[in-house]
Protein backbone atom coordinates (compact mmCIF):
# COMPACT_ATOMS: atom_id res chain seq x y z
CA MET A 1 -62.89 69.17 12.49
CA LYS A 2 -59.75 71.00 11.96
CA VAL A 3 -59.49 73.91 14.19
CA LEU A 4 -57.11 76.55 12.81
CA GLY A 5 -55.23 79.35 15.00
CA ARG A 6 -56.64 77.37 18.30
CA ASN A 7 -54.11 75.51 20.28
CA THR A 8 -55.80 71.98 20.24
CA THR A 9 -54.19 70.83 23.41
CA ILE A 10 -55.55 73.37 25.60
CA ASP A 11 -59.08 72.18 24.19
CA PHE A 12 -58.37 68.85 25.41
CA TRP A 13 -57.64 69.70 28.92
CA ARG A 14 -60.29 72.71 29.11
CA GLY A 15 -62.27 69.49 27.53
CA LEU A 16 -61.12 67.16 30.25
CA VAL A 17 -61.51 69.63 33.36
CA LEU A 18 -65.30 69.91 32.37
CA VAL A 19 -65.44 65.98 32.42
CA ILE A 20 -64.17 66.40 36.01
CA ILE A 21 -66.32 69.23 37.20
CA PHE A 22 -69.38 67.45 36.22
CA VAL A 23 -68.63 63.94 37.89
CA ASN A 24 -67.46 65.53 41.32
CA HIS A 25 -70.61 68.05 40.91
CA ILE A 26 -72.95 64.98 41.05
CA PRO A 27 -71.83 63.74 44.97
CA GLY A 28 -72.26 60.02 45.83
CA ASN A 29 -71.88 58.48 42.60
CA LEU A 30 -69.03 55.96 42.53
CA ILE A 31 -66.89 57.70 39.70
CA GLU A 32 -66.15 60.74 41.83
CA HIS A 33 -63.56 58.47 43.61
CA VAL A 34 -61.59 58.22 40.47
CA THR A 35 -61.33 61.98 39.60
CA PRO A 36 -57.98 63.95 40.57
CA ARG A 37 -59.38 64.94 43.65
CA ASN A 38 -58.97 61.98 45.64
CA PHE A 39 -55.02 61.65 44.73
CA GLY A 40 -53.68 65.12 45.00
CA PHE A 41 -53.75 68.42 46.85
CA SER A 42 -55.43 70.18 43.93
CA ASP A 43 -58.61 69.40 41.70
CA SER A 44 -60.48 70.43 38.78
CA THR A 45 -61.31 74.07 39.92
CA GLU A 46 -57.45 75.25 39.74
CA ALA A 47 -57.12 73.82 36.80
CA PHE A 48 -60.33 75.38 35.07
CA ILE A 49 -59.06 78.79 36.16
CA PHE A 50 -56.10 78.68 35.89
CA ILE A 51 -56.71 77.31 31.53
CA SER A 52 -59.29 79.96 31.73
CA GLY A 53 -56.43 82.47 32.83
CA LEU A 54 -54.11 80.95 29.96
CA SER A 55 -56.68 81.23 27.41
CA VAL A 56 -57.08 85.10 28.14
CA ALA A 57 -53.42 85.64 27.27
CA LEU A 58 -53.59 84.15 24.31
CA VAL A 59 -56.76 85.56 23.18
CA TYR A 60 -56.27 89.22 24.42
CA TYR A 61 -52.84 89.81 24.92
CA PRO A 62 -51.53 90.65 21.14
CA LYS A 63 -54.16 93.36 21.19
CA ILE A 64 -52.26 94.99 24.24
CA PRO A 65 -49.30 95.77 22.33
CA GLN A 66 -51.55 96.87 19.13
CA GLY A 67 -53.12 99.43 21.08
CA ASP A 68 -56.58 98.04 20.95
CA ILE A 69 -56.46 98.28 25.22
CA VAL A 70 -60.11 99.66 25.12
CA GLY A 71 -61.32 96.89 22.54
CA VAL A 72 -60.18 94.32 25.28
CA VAL A 73 -61.52 96.57 27.78
CA LYS A 74 -65.19 95.78 26.16
CA ARG A 75 -64.27 91.90 25.27
CA CYS A 76 -63.72 91.22 28.69
CA LEU A 77 -67.21 93.74 30.29
CA ARG A 78 -68.99 91.60 27.63
CA ARG A 79 -67.75 88.24 28.42
CA ALA A 80 -68.60 89.00 32.19
CA PHE A 81 -72.05 90.03 31.52
CA GLU A 82 -72.44 87.29 29.44
CA LEU A 83 -71.11 84.76 32.04
CA TYR A 84 -73.25 86.84 34.65
CA ARG A 85 -76.96 85.87 32.19
CA MET A 86 -75.16 82.51 32.49
CA HIS A 87 -75.23 82.36 35.73
CA LEU A 88 -78.92 83.52 36.52
CA LEU A 89 -80.02 80.93 34.10
CA LEU A 90 -78.37 78.01 35.45
CA THR A 91 -79.04 78.88 39.18
CA ALA A 92 -82.93 79.16 38.18
CA GLY A 93 -82.74 75.91 36.13
CA ALA A 94 -81.07 74.37 39.02
CA ILE A 95 -84.07 75.53 42.09
CA ALA A 96 -86.61 74.71 39.41
CA LEU A 97 -84.99 70.84 39.32
CA PHE A 98 -84.25 70.82 43.34
CA SER A 99 -88.25 72.04 43.58
CA ILE A 100 -89.66 69.14 41.40
CA GLY A 101 -87.39 66.68 43.47
CA TYR A 102 -88.80 68.31 46.21
CA GLU A 103 -92.07 67.68 45.54
CA LEU A 104 -91.46 63.89 43.84
CA SER A 105 -89.68 62.98 47.01
CA GLU A 106 -90.40 65.03 50.11
CA GLU A 107 -86.72 64.98 50.92
CA ILE A 108 -86.42 68.49 52.48
CA GLY A 109 -82.32 68.37 51.92
CA LEU A 110 -83.07 69.77 48.26
CA ILE A 111 -84.33 73.05 49.21
CA GLU A 112 -82.17 73.27 52.13
CA GLU A 113 -78.87 72.44 51.62
CA HIS A 114 -75.78 74.26 49.56
CA GLY A 115 -77.87 77.55 50.37
CA ARG A 116 -80.73 77.15 48.96
CA SER A 117 -82.79 77.20 52.41
CA MET A 118 -83.06 81.03 51.11
CA VAL A 119 -84.36 80.62 47.87
CA PHE A 120 -87.12 78.98 49.42
CA GLY A 121 -87.20 80.14 52.88
CA ASP A 122 -86.95 83.95 51.98
CA THR A 123 -87.66 83.91 48.20
CA ALA A 124 -87.22 88.22 47.92
CA LYS A 125 -84.44 88.34 49.68
CA GLY A 126 -82.57 85.05 48.84
CA VAL A 127 -83.08 85.85 44.72
CA THR A 128 -81.82 89.52 45.13
CA GLY A 129 -78.70 88.27 46.62
CA ILE A 130 -78.28 86.01 43.78
CA LEU A 131 -79.07 89.12 41.64
CA LEU A 132 -75.91 90.80 43.49
CA LEU A 133 -74.30 88.00 43.62
CA GLY A 134 -73.99 88.12 47.28
CA HIS A 135 -76.02 84.68 47.67
CA GLN A 136 -74.37 81.65 45.65
CA LEU A 137 -75.39 78.08 45.47
CA GLY A 138 -73.63 75.33 46.64
CA TYR A 139 -72.17 73.61 43.07
CA PHE A 140 -73.34 76.90 41.34
CA ASN A 141 -70.38 79.29 42.20
CA ILE A 142 -67.83 79.02 40.07
CA LEU A 143 -69.07 81.03 37.52
CA PRO A 144 -69.36 84.24 39.67
CA LEU A 145 -65.40 83.89 40.43
CA TYR A 146 -64.92 84.03 36.93
CA ILE A 147 -66.81 87.06 36.57
CA MET A 148 -64.63 88.64 38.91
CA LEU A 149 -61.64 87.70 37.02
CA MET A 150 -62.73 88.42 34.04
CA LEU A 151 -63.00 91.73 34.73
CA TRP A 152 -59.62 91.50 36.87
CA ALA A 153 -58.27 90.25 33.33
CA PRO A 154 -57.69 93.95 31.63
CA VAL A 155 -55.87 94.89 34.71
CA ALA A 156 -53.14 91.81 34.88
CA LEU A 157 -53.15 92.25 30.76
CA VAL A 158 -52.21 96.06 30.97
CA LEU A 159 -49.68 95.03 34.01
CA ALA A 160 -48.17 92.32 32.32
CA ARG A 161 -47.45 94.36 29.07
CA VAL A 162 -45.38 96.65 31.26
CA HIS A 163 -43.20 93.52 32.68
CA LEU A 164 -44.92 90.23 33.76
CA GLY A 165 -43.35 90.47 36.92
CA LEU A 166 -45.06 93.78 37.69
CA ALA A 167 -48.55 91.83 37.43
CA LEU A 168 -47.19 88.69 39.25
CA ALA A 169 -46.14 91.31 42.46
CA VAL A 170 -49.26 92.73 42.03
CA SER A 171 -51.38 89.22 42.04
CA ALA A 172 -49.21 88.13 45.08
CA GLY A 173 -49.81 91.24 46.50
CA LEU A 174 -53.95 91.00 46.47
CA TYR A 175 -53.28 87.49 47.55
CA GLY A 176 -51.30 88.20 50.80
CA LEU A 177 -54.29 90.71 51.71
CA ALA A 178 -56.83 87.74 51.13
CA ARG A 179 -54.92 85.65 52.89
CA MET A 180 -55.05 87.52 55.27
CA GLU A 181 -58.82 88.30 55.48
CA LEU A 182 -58.44 91.88 54.36
CA LEU A 183 -60.00 91.38 50.79
CA THR A 184 -62.84 89.36 50.13
CA LEU A 185 -66.64 89.85 49.21
CA ARG A 186 -69.18 89.37 51.03
CA SER A 187 -72.26 87.50 51.38
CA TRP A 188 -75.35 88.27 51.58
CA PRO A 189 -78.05 88.13 52.83
CA GLU A 190 -76.56 85.34 54.76
CA PRO A 191 -73.74 86.13 56.70
CA GLY A 192 -70.18 85.00 55.84
CA THR A 193 -68.21 85.83 52.55
CA TRP A 194 -68.26 84.03 48.84
CA PHE A 195 -67.27 79.58 48.36
CA PHE A 196 -64.15 81.19 46.22
CA ASN A 197 -62.18 84.44 47.63
CA PRO A 198 -61.69 86.18 43.71
CA PHE A 199 -58.63 88.10 45.65
CA ALA A 200 -57.10 85.22 46.75
CA TRP A 201 -58.35 82.70 43.15
CA GLN A 202 -57.21 85.39 40.69
CA ILE A 203 -53.40 84.56 41.64
CA LEU A 204 -53.72 81.20 39.37
CA PHE A 205 -56.11 82.70 36.89
CA THR A 206 -52.62 85.95 36.85
CA LEU A 207 -50.09 82.86 37.02
CA GLY A 208 -52.63 81.09 33.39
CA ILE A 209 -52.09 84.58 31.95
CA GLY A 210 -48.48 84.72 32.92
CA THR A 211 -47.64 81.20 30.98
CA GLY A 212 -50.09 82.42 27.99
CA ILE A 213 -47.76 84.95 27.53
CA LEU A 214 -44.98 82.70 27.62
CA MET A 215 -46.62 81.03 25.05
CA LEU A 216 -46.91 83.08 22.55
CA ARG A 217 -43.50 83.84 23.38
CA ARG A 218 -42.51 81.25 22.64
CA GLN A 219 -40.50 80.58 25.87
CA ASN A 220 -40.16 77.15 27.87
CA PHE A 221 -38.04 76.61 30.40
CA TYR A 222 -36.69 73.61 31.40
CA SER A 223 -34.62 73.20 34.77
CA ARG A 224 -34.23 69.09 36.14
CA PRO A 225 -33.81 70.48 39.83
CA LEU A 226 -37.53 72.06 39.50
CA MET A 227 -38.58 69.05 37.42
CA LEU A 228 -37.32 66.58 40.62
CA ALA A 229 -39.16 69.41 42.92
CA SER A 230 -42.26 68.95 40.93
CA ILE A 231 -42.14 65.17 41.31
CA PHE A 232 -41.60 64.87 44.61
CA VAL A 233 -44.49 67.21 45.52
CA VAL A 234 -47.04 65.30 43.80
CA VAL A 235 -45.57 62.03 44.62
CA LEU A 236 -45.87 63.58 48.47
CA SER A 237 -49.30 64.25 48.02
CA LEU A 238 -50.13 61.34 46.54
CA LEU A 239 -49.18 59.37 49.42
CA PHE A 240 -50.66 62.33 51.32
CA THR A 241 -54.28 61.75 50.14
CA THR A 242 -54.48 58.15 49.56
CA ALA A 243 -53.54 57.74 53.06
CA GLY A 244 -50.67 56.08 51.93
CA PHE A 245 -52.81 53.83 50.11
CA GLY A 246 -54.44 52.30 52.79
CA PHE A 247 -51.56 51.79 54.60
CA PHE A 248 -51.56 54.81 56.93
CA PRO A 249 -55.20 55.75 57.51
CA HIS A 250 -54.02 59.21 59.61
CA LEU A 251 -51.85 60.71 56.78
CA PRO A 252 -55.13 62.96 55.09
CA GLU A 253 -56.18 64.62 58.18
CA THR A 254 -52.47 65.14 58.83
CA ALA A 255 -51.85 67.11 55.70
CA HIS A 256 -54.65 69.33 56.86
CA ALA A 257 -52.77 69.93 59.66
CA LEU A 258 -49.14 70.07 58.12
CA PHE A 259 -50.16 71.67 54.96
CA ASP A 260 -52.04 75.13 53.63
CA LEU A 261 -55.17 73.46 51.67
CA THR A 262 -58.50 75.61 52.18
CA LYS A 263 -60.19 76.08 49.24
CA HIS A 264 -62.11 78.81 49.63
CA ASP A 265 -58.68 81.65 49.88
CA LEU A 266 -56.94 79.00 47.56
CA GLY A 267 -53.85 77.28 50.27
CA LEU A 268 -50.72 77.31 49.02
CA GLY A 269 -51.07 73.94 49.68
CA ARG A 270 -53.42 73.30 47.04
CA ILE A 271 -51.31 75.97 44.66
CA VAL A 272 -48.03 74.48 44.62
CA HIS A 273 -49.44 71.28 44.12
CA PHE A 274 -51.49 72.09 41.25
CA LEU A 275 -48.25 74.05 39.71
CA ALA A 276 -45.89 70.98 40.33
CA LEU A 277 -48.58 68.65 38.66
CA ALA A 278 -48.54 71.00 35.78
CA TYR A 279 -45.00 71.67 35.18
CA ILE A 280 -44.64 67.66 35.22
CA VAL A 281 -47.74 67.77 32.47
CA THR A 282 -46.51 70.47 30.23
CA GLN A 283 -42.42 69.01 30.08
CA PHE A 284 -43.53 66.01 29.33
CA PRO A 285 -45.98 65.39 25.67
CA VAL A 286 -48.44 64.21 27.97
CA GLY A 287 -51.21 66.32 26.55
CA GLU A 288 -50.05 65.70 22.96
CA VAL A 289 -50.01 62.04 23.45
CA LEU A 290 -53.78 62.07 25.31
CA LYS A 291 -55.22 64.06 22.65
CA ARG A 292 -54.27 61.43 19.59
CA THR A 293 -56.32 58.35 21.37
CA PHE A 294 -59.74 57.51 21.03
CA VAL A 295 -60.93 60.08 23.58
CA GLY A 296 -59.13 63.36 22.34
CA PRO A 297 -61.33 64.19 19.36
CA ASP A 298 -63.63 64.46 22.00
CA LEU A 299 -62.57 66.01 24.72
CA LYS A 300 -61.33 68.61 22.05
CA ARG A 301 -64.99 69.50 20.90
CA LEU A 302 -65.91 69.62 24.66
CA GLY A 303 -63.09 72.47 25.24
CA ARG A 304 -63.93 74.59 22.43
CA ASN A 305 -67.44 74.99 23.33
CA ALA A 306 -66.98 75.06 27.08
CA LEU A 307 -69.42 77.86 28.15
CA MET A 308 -72.29 75.81 26.33
CA ILE A 309 -71.24 72.06 28.33
CA PHE A 310 -70.21 73.56 31.66
CA ALA A 311 -73.46 75.41 31.43
CA ALA A 312 -75.07 71.62 30.30
CA GLY A 313 -73.16 69.83 33.00
CA SER A 314 -74.23 72.04 35.74
CA LEU A 315 -77.71 71.36 35.23
CA LEU A 316 -77.14 67.81 34.66
CA SER A 317 -75.37 67.28 37.77
CA ALA A 318 -78.35 69.39 39.75
CA LEU A 319 -80.80 66.38 37.75
CA GLY A 320 -77.87 63.69 39.26
CA GLN A 321 -78.45 64.76 42.44
CA VAL A 322 -82.15 64.89 42.42
CA THR A 323 -82.21 61.65 40.65
CA MET A 324 -80.14 60.11 43.34
CA THR A 325 -81.93 61.12 45.97
CA LEU A 326 -85.37 59.77 44.66
CA ALA A 327 -83.51 56.24 44.09
CA ALA A 328 -82.67 56.58 47.94
CA VAL A 329 -86.29 57.04 48.84
CA LYS A 330 -88.78 56.27 45.85
CA SER A 331 -86.99 52.69 45.33
CA SER A 332 -84.74 49.88 46.61
CA ALA A 333 -81.66 50.50 44.00
CA SER A 334 -78.56 51.86 45.26
CA PRO A 335 -78.15 55.90 44.71
CA GLN A 336 -74.70 55.05 44.65
CA MET A 337 -75.10 52.96 41.31
CA ILE A 338 -78.21 55.05 39.93
CA GLY A 339 -75.76 58.08 40.56
CA MET A 340 -72.71 56.25 38.43
CA VAL A 341 -75.48 55.44 35.45
CA PHE A 342 -76.78 58.99 35.11
CA THR A 343 -72.80 59.95 35.48
CA ILE A 344 -72.58 57.63 32.57
CA ILE A 345 -75.45 58.80 30.49
CA GLY A 346 -74.69 62.29 31.33
CA ILE A 347 -71.06 62.53 29.92
CA ILE A 348 -72.11 60.51 26.92
CA GLY A 349 -74.75 63.33 26.62
CA LEU A 350 -72.27 65.93 26.48
CA LEU A 351 -70.19 64.18 24.24
CA ALA A 352 -73.06 64.52 22.09
CA LEU A 353 -74.06 68.25 22.50
CA ALA A 354 -70.98 69.07 21.53
CA ARG A 355 -70.53 67.31 18.45
CA TYR A 356 -73.96 69.14 17.55
CA LEU A 357 -72.76 71.94 18.30
CA GLU A 358 -69.59 71.57 15.85
CA TRP A 359 -72.12 70.33 13.69
CA ASN A 360 -74.36 73.51 14.26
CA LYS A 361 -71.40 76.19 13.60
CA LEU A 362 -70.45 74.60 10.13
CA ASN A 363 -73.79 73.80 8.81
CA VAL A 364 -76.17 76.94 10.18
CA ALA A 365 -76.96 80.05 8.30
CA VAL A 366 -75.54 78.75 5.04
CA PRO A 367 -76.64 80.61 2.21
CA PRO A 368 -78.01 79.80 -0.57
CA LYS A 369 -76.86 79.44 -3.60
CA GLY A 370 -78.13 82.30 -5.52
CA LEU A 371 -77.53 84.38 -2.15
CA ALA A 372 -74.54 82.83 -2.16
CA LYS A 373 -73.41 84.75 -5.59
CA ASP A 374 -75.50 87.82 -4.64
CA LEU A 375 -72.92 88.03 -1.57
CA GLY A 376 -69.98 87.06 -3.72
CA LEU A 377 -69.65 83.69 -1.32
CA PRO A 378 -68.71 79.91 -2.44
CA ALA A 379 -71.90 78.39 -2.22
CA SER A 380 -70.20 75.88 -0.01
CA GLN A 381 -69.15 78.46 2.36
CA GLY A 382 -70.64 78.14 5.59
CA ARG A 383 -71.76 80.24 8.56
CA PHE A 384 -71.24 84.03 7.30
CA SER A 385 -71.38 87.15 9.14
């Protein structure tokens, strides 16, 4: 299926990131040991946020010079509300799955871990907190961050229209305030703050917007010293994360002591590693090559249907956690092996869902021949509105 007006390389990377997120959200399955977070300081979350910012720029920034700022604001608000609605649906689905899992296994962790104890222990406060985004379940806290970033997007786009450096400077200022704990969002009803501080993570989103704008301007900056520095950062990160491929067991602990690798407020070490990796990947046509392999078309389909695939993957990952728990308490089977099998089946299911969604776009709402003639449309024309 050829998709006009889309950057299929971005679709490919987005699809790959969605698969990695799904795998990582089923902790304990054997496949999680080969995902990128085991080989570097950053992980799929950084890629997800950066690509989201890049996509926002490609879709919305061209409308800013045309004077359609109000239209861009409306679209971003509409997207934020769509994400909010999806977040509530996914959280409700997860609560249902973990409830069923607890009834079947009597494993208390299913209703107590990762923020779930508030929902089951004090339902009124828990549900209210979820509605206000003040209470977020573990593994279901990316969309609230994304919602906040979509509210920031119009501001970043307008600032970038004035000057790209201005947008980056304001973003860096917000990041600095967030790192000093002067800007954050509080959790409620439980004490603490959001797991992902949007005032910190917006810098990666804004860098994605900046990259998208440079792509629209067809600007590409290659620097040999920058490439060498990027390779050095990626290799250094690989050595520290893998404990020197097993020869120096204390290196991972040392990395956290030496480098700024906190996740909730996006440590500088994570940013530098991700940007270095992204620079290498974009300067060498890695995506262009990989998207032409046998997995390329399927990953691009995932990327083109990102929200639905993310939603399905989120619920499947919750089901995977429940399945592994049941395997541990109700059978002699290895939970890790069960988790691996479930993860593989889940990935196949996501690929099948993406194929269905693509088919649906092409074939649903095809007008009958008579109606097509009345509307002045070719009888073979697909979806219309």
